[in-house]
Amino acid sequence: MKLSEKLDASTILYPLQSNSKEQVLHELLDHFINLKYLTSCDKLFKYLKDDDQVFNSASGRGIAYHYHTSIEVSDTTLVLGISEGGIDYSAPDGLLCHFILLILEPINKPNSHRVIINIFQDLIKNSNIKSKILEVNSPQEIEEIIQTWEMSNEEDDLI
């Protein structure tokens, strides 16, 4: 699986307008509604918020992941929100989160988020890519960075 199969300019929110974790969740869920992946998000918001009480969605290094199953999606879907200033997620390393990924999975694939998270971590662990993404002017530029990174990885795999 490629990240670009799940993330493109339409599923990248840049820059996020939110200033808090709750606002980010609403903004990302509203984007799913705008994309017609969801018809409503009230219950899903509550589930995600409850999940965050048990497991901190911040993974460190400026990244947070939210994921949940949804009866409204037939395939794993995601939205990436990018905050220039960062959002306080009470991360274990104390850093603000600049990259917030929301993954919705179909009921019959409740663990598909793990593959997406692993791929995203590979992308973001490259500090040059992380910096480039924070310096862009549009979701289209972020999409291009992801595609370039994937092509570079494909070439490395051929060697």
N, C-alpha and C. Protein backbone atom coordinates (compact mmCIF):
# COMPACT_ATOMS: atom_id res chain seq x y z
N MET A 1 0.85 -1.18 0.00
CA MET A 1 0.00 0.00 0.00
C MET A 1 0.89 1.24 0.00
N LYS A 2 0.42 2.25 -0.71
CA LYS A 2 1.11 3.54 -0.75
C LYS A 2 0.28 4.57 0.00
N LEU A 3 0.97 5.47 0.64
CA LEU A 3 0.30 6.55 1.34
C LEU A 3 -0.48 7.42 0.36
N SER A 4 0.07 7.61 -0.84
CA SER A 4 -0.58 8.44 -1.85
C SER A 4 -1.89 7.84 -2.36
N GLU A 5 -2.11 6.55 -2.10
CA GLU A 5 -3.39 5.93 -2.46
C GLU A 5 -4.49 6.37 -1.50
N LYS A 6 -4.09 6.85 -0.34
CA LYS A 6 -5.05 7.25 0.70
C LYS A 6 -5.04 8.74 0.98
N LEU A 7 -3.92 9.39 0.67
CA LEU A 7 -3.79 10.83 0.92
C LEU A 7 -3.52 11.56 -0.37
N ASP A 8 -4.32 12.58 -0.64
CA ASP A 8 -4.06 13.46 -1.77
C ASP A 8 -4.45 14.87 -1.34
N ALA A 9 -4.36 15.81 -2.23
CA ALA A 9 -4.63 17.21 -1.87
C ALA A 9 -6.01 17.40 -1.24
N SER A 10 -6.99 16.59 -1.65
CA SER A 10 -8.35 16.75 -1.10
C SER A 10 -8.48 16.23 0.32
N THR A 11 -7.58 15.35 0.75
CA THR A 11 -7.66 14.78 2.09
C THR A 11 -6.59 15.35 3.03
N ILE A 12 -5.93 16.40 2.59
CA ILE A 12 -4.93 17.08 3.41
C ILE A 12 -5.47 18.46 3.78
N LEU A 13 -5.59 18.70 5.05
CA LEU A 13 -6.05 20.01 5.54
C LEU A 13 -4.82 20.81 5.97
N TYR A 14 -4.52 21.82 5.18
CA TYR A 14 -3.37 22.67 5.48
C TYR A 14 -3.71 24.10 5.13
N PRO A 15 -3.52 24.99 6.05
CA PRO A 15 -3.21 24.77 7.46
C PRO A 15 -4.49 24.52 8.25
N LEU A 16 -4.35 23.77 9.34
CA LEU A 16 -5.48 23.59 10.24
C LEU A 16 -5.83 24.94 10.87
N GLN A 17 -7.10 25.16 11.09
CA GLN A 17 -7.56 26.40 11.72
C GLN A 17 -7.69 26.24 13.24
N SER A 18 -7.67 25.01 13.72
CA SER A 18 -7.92 24.69 15.11
C SER A 18 -6.77 25.07 16.03
N ASN A 19 -7.13 25.29 17.30
CA ASN A 19 -6.14 25.63 18.32
C ASN A 19 -6.11 24.63 19.47
N SER A 20 -7.01 23.64 19.46
CA SER A 20 -7.05 22.66 20.54
C SER A 20 -7.33 21.28 19.95
N LYS A 21 -7.07 20.26 20.76
CA LYS A 21 -7.28 18.88 20.34
C LYS A 21 -8.74 18.64 19.93
N GLU A 22 -9.68 19.13 20.73
CA GLU A 22 -11.10 18.94 20.40
C GLU A 22 -11.47 19.64 19.10
N GLN A 23 -10.97 20.85 18.91
CA GLN A 23 -11.24 21.58 17.67
C GLN A 23 -10.66 20.84 16.46
N VAL A 24 -9.47 20.26 16.63
CA VAL A 24 -8.85 19.49 15.54
C VAL A 24 -9.73 18.32 15.16
N LEU A 25 -10.20 17.57 16.15
CA LEU A 25 -11.08 16.43 15.86
C LEU A 25 -12.32 16.87 15.08
N HIS A 26 -12.94 17.96 15.54
CA HIS A 26 -14.12 18.47 14.83
C HIS A 26 -13.76 18.87 13.39
N GLU A 27 -12.65 19.56 13.23
CA GLU A 27 -12.25 20.03 11.90
C GLU A 27 -11.98 18.84 10.96
N LEU A 28 -11.29 17.83 11.46
CA LEU A 28 -11.00 16.66 10.63
C LEU A 28 -12.27 15.87 10.31
N LEU A 29 -13.13 15.69 11.29
CA LEU A 29 -14.39 14.98 11.05
C LEU A 29 -15.29 15.77 10.09
N ASP A 30 -15.33 17.07 10.25
CA ASP A 30 -16.11 17.90 9.33
C ASP A 30 -15.59 17.76 7.90
N HIS A 31 -14.29 17.60 7.77
CA HIS A 31 -13.71 17.41 6.44
C HIS A 31 -14.17 16.07 5.84
N PHE A 32 -14.26 15.04 6.66
CA PHE A 32 -14.80 13.76 6.19
C PHE A 32 -16.24 13.94 5.69
N ILE A 33 -17.00 14.77 6.39
CA ILE A 33 -18.38 15.04 5.96
C ILE A 33 -18.37 15.80 4.64
N ASN A 34 -17.51 16.81 4.52
CA ASN A 34 -17.42 17.58 3.28
C ASN A 34 -17.03 16.70 2.09
N LEU A 35 -16.22 15.69 2.36
CA LEU A 35 -15.80 14.76 1.30
C LEU A 35 -16.84 13.67 1.03
N LYS A 36 -17.92 13.70 1.80
CA LYS A 36 -19.03 12.74 1.66
C LYS A 36 -18.67 11.33 2.12
N TYR A 37 -17.65 11.20 2.97
CA TYR A 37 -17.32 9.91 3.57
C TYR A 37 -18.24 9.63 4.76
N LEU A 38 -18.69 10.69 5.41
CA LEU A 38 -19.57 10.58 6.57
C LEU A 38 -20.79 11.46 6.36
N THR A 39 -21.89 11.06 7.01
CA THR A 39 -23.08 11.91 6.99
C THR A 39 -23.25 12.65 8.31
N SER A 40 -22.65 12.12 9.35
CA SER A 40 -22.72 12.72 10.67
C SER A 40 -21.47 12.34 11.44
N CYS A 41 -21.14 13.12 12.45
CA CYS A 41 -19.90 12.80 13.18
C CYS A 41 -20.04 12.92 14.70
N ASP A 42 -21.24 13.14 15.21
CA ASP A 42 -21.40 13.34 16.65
C ASP A 42 -20.96 12.12 17.46
N LYS A 43 -21.44 10.93 17.09
CA LYS A 43 -21.06 9.71 17.81
C LYS A 43 -19.58 9.42 17.65
N LEU A 44 -19.10 9.57 16.44
CA LEU A 44 -17.69 9.29 16.17
C LEU A 44 -16.79 10.23 16.96
N PHE A 45 -17.18 11.49 17.07
CA PHE A 45 -16.42 12.44 17.88
C PHE A 45 -16.34 11.96 19.33
N LYS A 46 -17.46 11.53 19.86
CA LYS A 46 -17.49 11.04 21.25
C LYS A 46 -16.59 9.81 21.40
N TYR A 47 -16.67 8.87 20.46
CA TYR A 47 -15.82 7.67 20.53
C TYR A 47 -14.34 8.04 20.49
N LEU A 48 -13.98 8.93 19.59
CA LEU A 48 -12.59 9.34 19.46
C LEU A 48 -12.11 10.06 20.72
N LYS A 49 -12.96 10.90 21.26
CA LYS A 49 -12.62 11.63 22.48
C LYS A 49 -12.47 10.65 23.65
N ASP A 50 -13.37 9.67 23.74
CA ASP A 50 -13.27 8.65 24.80
C ASP A 50 -12.00 7.82 24.65
N ASP A 51 -11.68 7.45 23.40
CA ASP A 51 -10.46 6.69 23.14
C ASP A 51 -9.23 7.46 23.62
N ASP A 52 -9.25 8.77 23.40
CA ASP A 52 -8.11 9.59 23.77
C ASP A 52 -7.94 9.68 25.29
N GLN A 53 -9.02 9.46 26.02
CA GLN A 53 -8.92 9.45 27.49
C GLN A 53 -8.16 8.22 27.97
N VAL A 54 -8.25 7.13 27.20
CA VAL A 54 -7.59 5.87 27.57
C VAL A 54 -6.17 5.82 27.03
N PHE A 55 -6.01 6.18 25.75
CA PHE A 55 -4.70 6.16 25.08
C PHE A 55 -4.43 7.53 24.48
N ASN A 56 -3.33 8.13 24.86
CA ASN A 56 -2.97 9.44 24.31
C ASN A 56 -2.69 9.28 22.82
N SER A 57 -3.35 10.05 22.01
CA SER A 57 -3.18 9.95 20.56
C SER A 57 -1.87 10.55 20.07
N ALA A 58 -1.19 11.31 20.92
CA ALA A 58 0.11 11.87 20.54
C ALA A 58 1.18 10.78 20.66
N SER A 59 1.94 10.63 19.59
CA SER A 59 2.98 9.59 19.61
C SER A 59 4.36 10.17 19.87
N GLY A 60 4.46 11.48 19.89
CA GLY A 60 5.75 12.13 20.05
C GLY A 60 6.25 12.65 18.72
N ARG A 61 7.31 13.43 18.74
CA ARG A 61 7.93 14.03 17.55
C ARG A 61 6.95 14.88 16.73
N GLY A 62 5.93 15.43 17.40
CA GLY A 62 5.01 16.34 16.72
C GLY A 62 3.90 15.66 15.95
N ILE A 63 3.61 14.39 16.28
CA ILE A 63 2.63 13.62 15.52
C ILE A 63 1.55 13.08 16.45
N ALA A 64 0.30 13.11 15.97
CA ALA A 64 -0.82 12.49 16.70
C ALA A 64 -1.65 11.68 15.71
N TYR A 65 -2.16 10.56 16.21
CA TYR A 65 -2.99 9.66 15.40
C TYR A 65 -4.32 9.43 16.11
N HIS A 66 -5.39 9.57 15.37
CA HIS A 66 -6.72 9.17 15.84
C HIS A 66 -7.21 8.12 14.86
N TYR A 67 -7.85 7.09 15.37
CA TYR A 67 -8.43 6.09 14.47
C TYR A 67 -9.61 5.43 15.15
N HIS A 68 -10.54 5.01 14.29
CA HIS A 68 -11.74 4.32 14.78
C HIS A 68 -12.42 3.65 13.61
N THR A 69 -13.24 2.66 13.92
CA THR A 69 -14.04 2.03 12.88
C THR A 69 -15.29 2.87 12.64
N SER A 70 -15.84 2.73 11.44
CA SER A 70 -17.06 3.45 11.10
C SER A 70 -17.89 2.59 10.15
N ILE A 71 -19.17 2.53 10.40
CA ILE A 71 -20.06 1.78 9.51
C ILE A 71 -20.27 2.51 8.18
N GLU A 72 -19.85 3.76 8.12
CA GLU A 72 -20.07 4.55 6.91
C GLU A 72 -18.96 4.44 5.88
N VAL A 73 -17.84 3.83 6.23
CA VAL A 73 -16.75 3.72 5.26
C VAL A 73 -16.59 2.26 4.84
N SER A 74 -16.33 2.07 3.56
CA SER A 74 -16.14 0.71 3.04
C SER A 74 -14.67 0.38 2.85
N ASP A 75 -13.83 1.38 2.94
CA ASP A 75 -12.39 1.20 2.82
C ASP A 75 -11.72 2.15 3.81
N THR A 76 -10.51 1.83 4.20
CA THR A 76 -9.78 2.69 5.12
C THR A 76 -9.58 4.06 4.47
N THR A 77 -10.00 5.09 5.19
CA THR A 77 -9.90 6.45 4.68
C THR A 77 -9.19 7.31 5.73
N LEU A 78 -8.53 8.36 5.26
CA LEU A 78 -7.84 9.20 6.20
C LEU A 78 -7.81 10.64 5.76
N VAL A 79 -7.62 11.49 6.77
CA VAL A 79 -7.44 12.92 6.56
C VAL A 79 -6.22 13.31 7.39
N LEU A 80 -5.34 14.08 6.79
CA LEU A 80 -4.16 14.59 7.47
C LEU A 80 -4.34 16.08 7.68
N GLY A 81 -4.26 16.48 8.93
CA GLY A 81 -4.29 17.90 9.26
C GLY A 81 -2.90 18.36 9.67
N ILE A 82 -2.51 19.52 9.19
CA ILE A 82 -1.19 20.05 9.50
C ILE A 82 -1.34 21.43 10.12
N SER A 83 -0.78 21.56 11.31
CA SER A 83 -0.84 22.81 12.06
C SER A 83 0.54 23.47 12.04
N GLU A 84 0.60 24.67 11.53
CA GLU A 84 1.88 25.38 11.48
C GLU A 84 2.43 25.65 12.88
N GLY A 85 1.56 26.11 13.77
CA GLY A 85 2.01 26.47 15.12
C GLY A 85 2.04 25.31 16.09
N GLY A 86 1.34 24.23 15.75
CA GLY A 86 1.28 23.08 16.63
C GLY A 86 0.11 23.14 17.59
N ILE A 87 -0.33 21.96 18.01
CA ILE A 87 -1.47 21.82 18.92
C ILE A 87 -0.98 21.07 20.15
N ASP A 88 -1.42 21.50 21.33
CA ASP A 88 -1.03 20.82 22.57
C ASP A 88 -1.84 19.54 22.72
N TYR A 89 -1.17 18.42 22.60
CA TYR A 89 -1.77 17.10 22.75
C TYR A 89 -1.27 16.40 24.01
N SER A 90 -0.58 17.14 24.87
CA SER A 90 0.04 16.55 26.06
C SER A 90 0.90 15.35 25.66
N ALA A 91 1.71 15.56 24.65
CA ALA A 91 2.57 14.50 24.12
C ALA A 91 3.59 14.07 25.16
N PRO A 92 3.98 12.80 25.13
CA PRO A 92 4.96 12.30 26.09
C PRO A 92 6.30 13.04 26.03
N ASP A 93 6.66 13.54 24.86
CA ASP A 93 7.93 14.26 24.73
C ASP A 93 7.76 15.77 24.94
N GLY A 94 6.53 16.22 25.22
CA GLY A 94 6.27 17.62 25.49
C GLY A 94 6.16 18.52 24.27
N LEU A 95 6.36 17.96 23.09
CA LEU A 95 6.29 18.75 21.86
C LEU A 95 4.84 18.96 21.42
N LEU A 96 4.61 20.08 20.76
CA LEU A 96 3.31 20.34 20.16
C LEU A 96 3.17 19.45 18.92
N CYS A 97 1.94 19.10 18.57
CA CYS A 97 1.68 18.25 17.41
C CYS A 97 1.40 19.12 16.18
N HIS A 98 2.16 18.88 15.14
CA HIS A 98 1.98 19.59 13.87
C HIS A 98 1.27 18.71 12.84
N PHE A 99 1.36 17.39 13.01
CA PHE A 99 0.79 16.43 12.07
C PHE A 99 -0.24 15.59 12.79
N ILE A 100 -1.51 15.73 12.40
CA ILE A 100 -2.58 14.98 13.04
C ILE A 100 -3.29 14.17 11.96
N LEU A 101 -3.23 12.86 12.12
CA LEU A 101 -3.80 11.94 11.14
C LEU A 101 -5.03 11.30 11.74
N LEU A 102 -6.16 11.38 11.03
CA LEU A 102 -7.39 10.73 11.45
C LEU A 102 -7.70 9.63 10.45
N ILE A 103 -7.79 8.41 10.96
CA ILE A 103 -8.01 7.23 10.12
C ILE A 103 -9.36 6.62 10.50
N LEU A 104 -10.19 6.40 9.50
CA LEU A 104 -11.45 5.67 9.69
C LEU A 104 -11.35 4.35 8.95
N GLU A 105 -11.73 3.29 9.64
CA GLU A 105 -11.63 1.95 9.08
C GLU A 105 -13.01 1.32 9.00
N PRO A 106 -13.22 0.46 8.01
CA PRO A 106 -14.48 -0.28 7.98
C PRO A 106 -14.51 -1.29 9.13
N ILE A 107 -15.70 -1.67 9.51
CA ILE A 107 -15.89 -2.61 10.61
C ILE A 107 -15.12 -3.91 10.38
N ASN A 108 -15.05 -4.36 9.13
CA ASN A 108 -14.40 -5.64 8.83
C ASN A 108 -12.88 -5.53 8.70
N LYS A 109 -12.31 -4.34 8.89
CA LYS A 109 -10.85 -4.15 8.85
C LYS A 109 -10.42 -3.27 10.02
N PRO A 110 -10.65 -3.74 11.25
CA PRO A 110 -10.41 -2.87 12.41
C PRO A 110 -8.95 -2.59 12.74
N ASN A 111 -8.02 -3.20 12.05
CA ASN A 111 -6.61 -2.96 12.34
C ASN A 111 -5.84 -2.39 11.15
N SER A 112 -6.56 -1.94 10.14
CA SER A 112 -5.88 -1.41 8.95
C SER A 112 -5.11 -0.12 9.25
N HIS A 113 -5.48 0.55 10.32
CA HIS A 113 -4.78 1.79 10.70
C HIS A 113 -3.30 1.54 10.97
N ARG A 114 -2.94 0.34 11.40
CA ARG A 114 -1.55 0.04 11.74
C ARG A 114 -0.62 0.17 10.53
N VAL A 115 -1.08 -0.29 9.39
CA VAL A 115 -0.27 -0.19 8.17
C VAL A 115 -0.07 1.28 7.81
N ILE A 116 -1.15 2.04 7.85
CA ILE A 116 -1.09 3.47 7.53
C ILE A 116 -0.14 4.20 8.48
N ILE A 117 -0.26 3.93 9.76
CA ILE A 117 0.59 4.59 10.75
C ILE A 117 2.06 4.25 10.51
N ASN A 118 2.35 3.00 10.22
CA ASN A 118 3.75 2.61 9.95
C ASN A 118 4.31 3.34 8.74
N ILE A 119 3.54 3.43 7.69
CA ILE A 119 3.99 4.13 6.48
C ILE A 119 4.19 5.61 6.78
N PHE A 120 3.23 6.21 7.48
CA PHE A 120 3.32 7.63 7.82
C PHE A 120 4.54 7.90 8.70
N GLN A 121 4.81 7.02 9.65
CA GLN A 121 5.99 7.19 10.51
C GLN A 121 7.27 7.14 9.69
N ASP A 122 7.32 6.24 8.70
CA ASP A 122 8.50 6.19 7.82
C ASP A 122 8.69 7.51 7.09
N LEU A 123 7.60 8.09 6.62
CA LEU A 123 7.67 9.37 5.92
C LEU A 123 8.17 10.47 6.86
N ILE A 124 7.56 10.60 8.00
CA ILE A 124 7.81 11.72 8.91
C ILE A 124 9.13 11.60 9.65
N LYS A 125 9.68 10.40 9.77
CA LYS A 125 10.96 10.28 10.50
C LYS A 125 12.11 10.94 9.74
N ASN A 126 11.90 11.23 8.47
CA ASN A 126 12.88 11.96 7.68
C ASN A 126 12.71 13.45 8.01
N SER A 127 13.67 14.02 8.74
CA SER A 127 13.54 15.41 9.20
C SER A 127 13.47 16.41 8.03
N ASN A 128 14.11 16.09 6.90
CA ASN A 128 14.02 16.98 5.74
C ASN A 128 12.60 17.04 5.21
N ILE A 129 11.94 15.90 5.14
CA ILE A 129 10.56 15.86 4.65
C ILE A 129 9.65 16.57 5.64
N LYS A 130 9.85 16.32 6.90
CA LYS A 130 9.04 16.97 7.94
C LYS A 130 9.14 18.49 7.80
N SER A 131 10.35 18.99 7.64
CA SER A 131 10.55 20.44 7.49
C SER A 131 9.93 20.96 6.20
N LYS A 132 10.11 20.22 5.11
CA LYS A 132 9.53 20.64 3.82
C LYS A 132 8.01 20.78 3.92
N ILE A 133 7.39 19.80 4.57
CA ILE A 133 5.93 19.83 4.68
C ILE A 133 5.48 21.06 5.46
N LEU A 134 6.21 21.42 6.49
CA LEU A 134 5.83 22.59 7.30
C LEU A 134 6.12 23.91 6.60
N GLU A 135 6.86 23.88 5.50
CA GLU A 135 7.21 25.11 4.77
C GLU A 135 6.38 25.32 3.51
N VAL A 136 5.49 24.41 3.19
CA VAL A 136 4.74 24.50 1.93
C VAL A 136 3.64 25.56 2.01
N ASN A 137 3.01 25.77 0.87
CA ASN A 137 1.92 26.74 0.78
C ASN A 137 0.58 26.12 0.44
N SER A 138 0.54 24.81 0.16
CA SER A 138 -0.72 24.21 -0.26
C SER A 138 -0.73 22.71 -0.04
N PRO A 139 -1.92 22.13 0.05
CA PRO A 139 -2.04 20.67 0.12
C PRO A 139 -1.45 19.97 -1.11
N GLN A 140 -1.52 20.62 -2.26
CA GLN A 140 -0.97 20.03 -3.49
C GLN A 140 0.54 19.82 -3.35
N GLU A 141 1.21 20.77 -2.72
CA GLU A 141 2.66 20.64 -2.52
C GLU A 141 2.97 19.48 -1.57
N ILE A 142 2.13 19.30 -0.57
CA ILE A 142 2.33 18.18 0.37
C ILE A 142 2.12 16.86 -0.37
N GLU A 143 1.10 16.81 -1.21
CA GLU A 143 0.86 15.61 -2.02
C GLU A 143 2.09 15.29 -2.87
N GLU A 144 2.68 16.30 -3.47
CA GLU A 144 3.89 16.10 -4.30
C GLU A 144 5.06 15.59 -3.46
N ILE A 145 5.22 16.10 -2.26
CA ILE A 145 6.30 15.64 -1.38
C ILE A 145 6.12 14.16 -1.05
N ILE A 146 4.90 13.76 -0.76
CA ILE A 146 4.61 12.36 -0.45
C ILE A 146 4.90 11.48 -1.66
N GLN A 147 4.46 11.89 -2.83
CA GLN A 147 4.69 11.10 -4.04
C GLN A 147 6.18 11.00 -4.36
N THR A 148 6.92 12.08 -4.20
CA THR A 148 8.37 12.06 -4.45
C THR A 148 9.05 11.11 -3.47
N TRP A 149 8.67 11.15 -2.22
CA TRP A 149 9.23 10.26 -1.21
C TRP A 149 8.95 8.80 -1.57
N GLU A 150 7.72 8.53 -2.00
CA GLU A 150 7.38 7.15 -2.39
C GLU A 150 8.19 6.68 -3.58
N MET A 151 8.35 7.54 -4.58
CA MET A 151 9.16 7.16 -5.75
C MET A 151 10.61 6.90 -5.35
N SER A 152 11.12 7.72 -4.46
CA SER A 152 12.50 7.54 -3.98
C SER A 152 12.64 6.20 -3.25
N ASN A 153 11.65 5.86 -2.45
CA ASN A 153 11.68 4.57 -1.73
C ASN A 153 11.57 3.39 -2.68
N GLU A 154 10.77 3.54 -3.74
CA GLU A 154 10.66 2.47 -4.74
C GLU A 154 12.00 2.25 -5.42
N GLU A 155 12.69 3.32 -5.74
CA GLU A 155 14.01 3.21 -6.38
C GLU A 155 15.00 2.55 -5.43
N ASP A 156 14.95 2.90 -4.14
CA ASP A 156 15.85 2.27 -3.15
C ASP A 156 15.58 0.78 -3.03
N ASP A 157 14.31 0.38 -3.14
CA ASP A 157 13.95 -1.03 -3.03
C ASP A 157 14.47 -1.84 -4.23
N LEU A 158 14.66 -1.17 -5.36
CA LEU A 158 15.14 -1.87 -6.56
C LEU A 158 16.64 -2.14 -6.49
N ILE A 159 17.34 -1.39 -5.68
CA ILE A 159 18.80 -1.53 -5.61
C ILE A 159 19.18 -2.76 -4.82
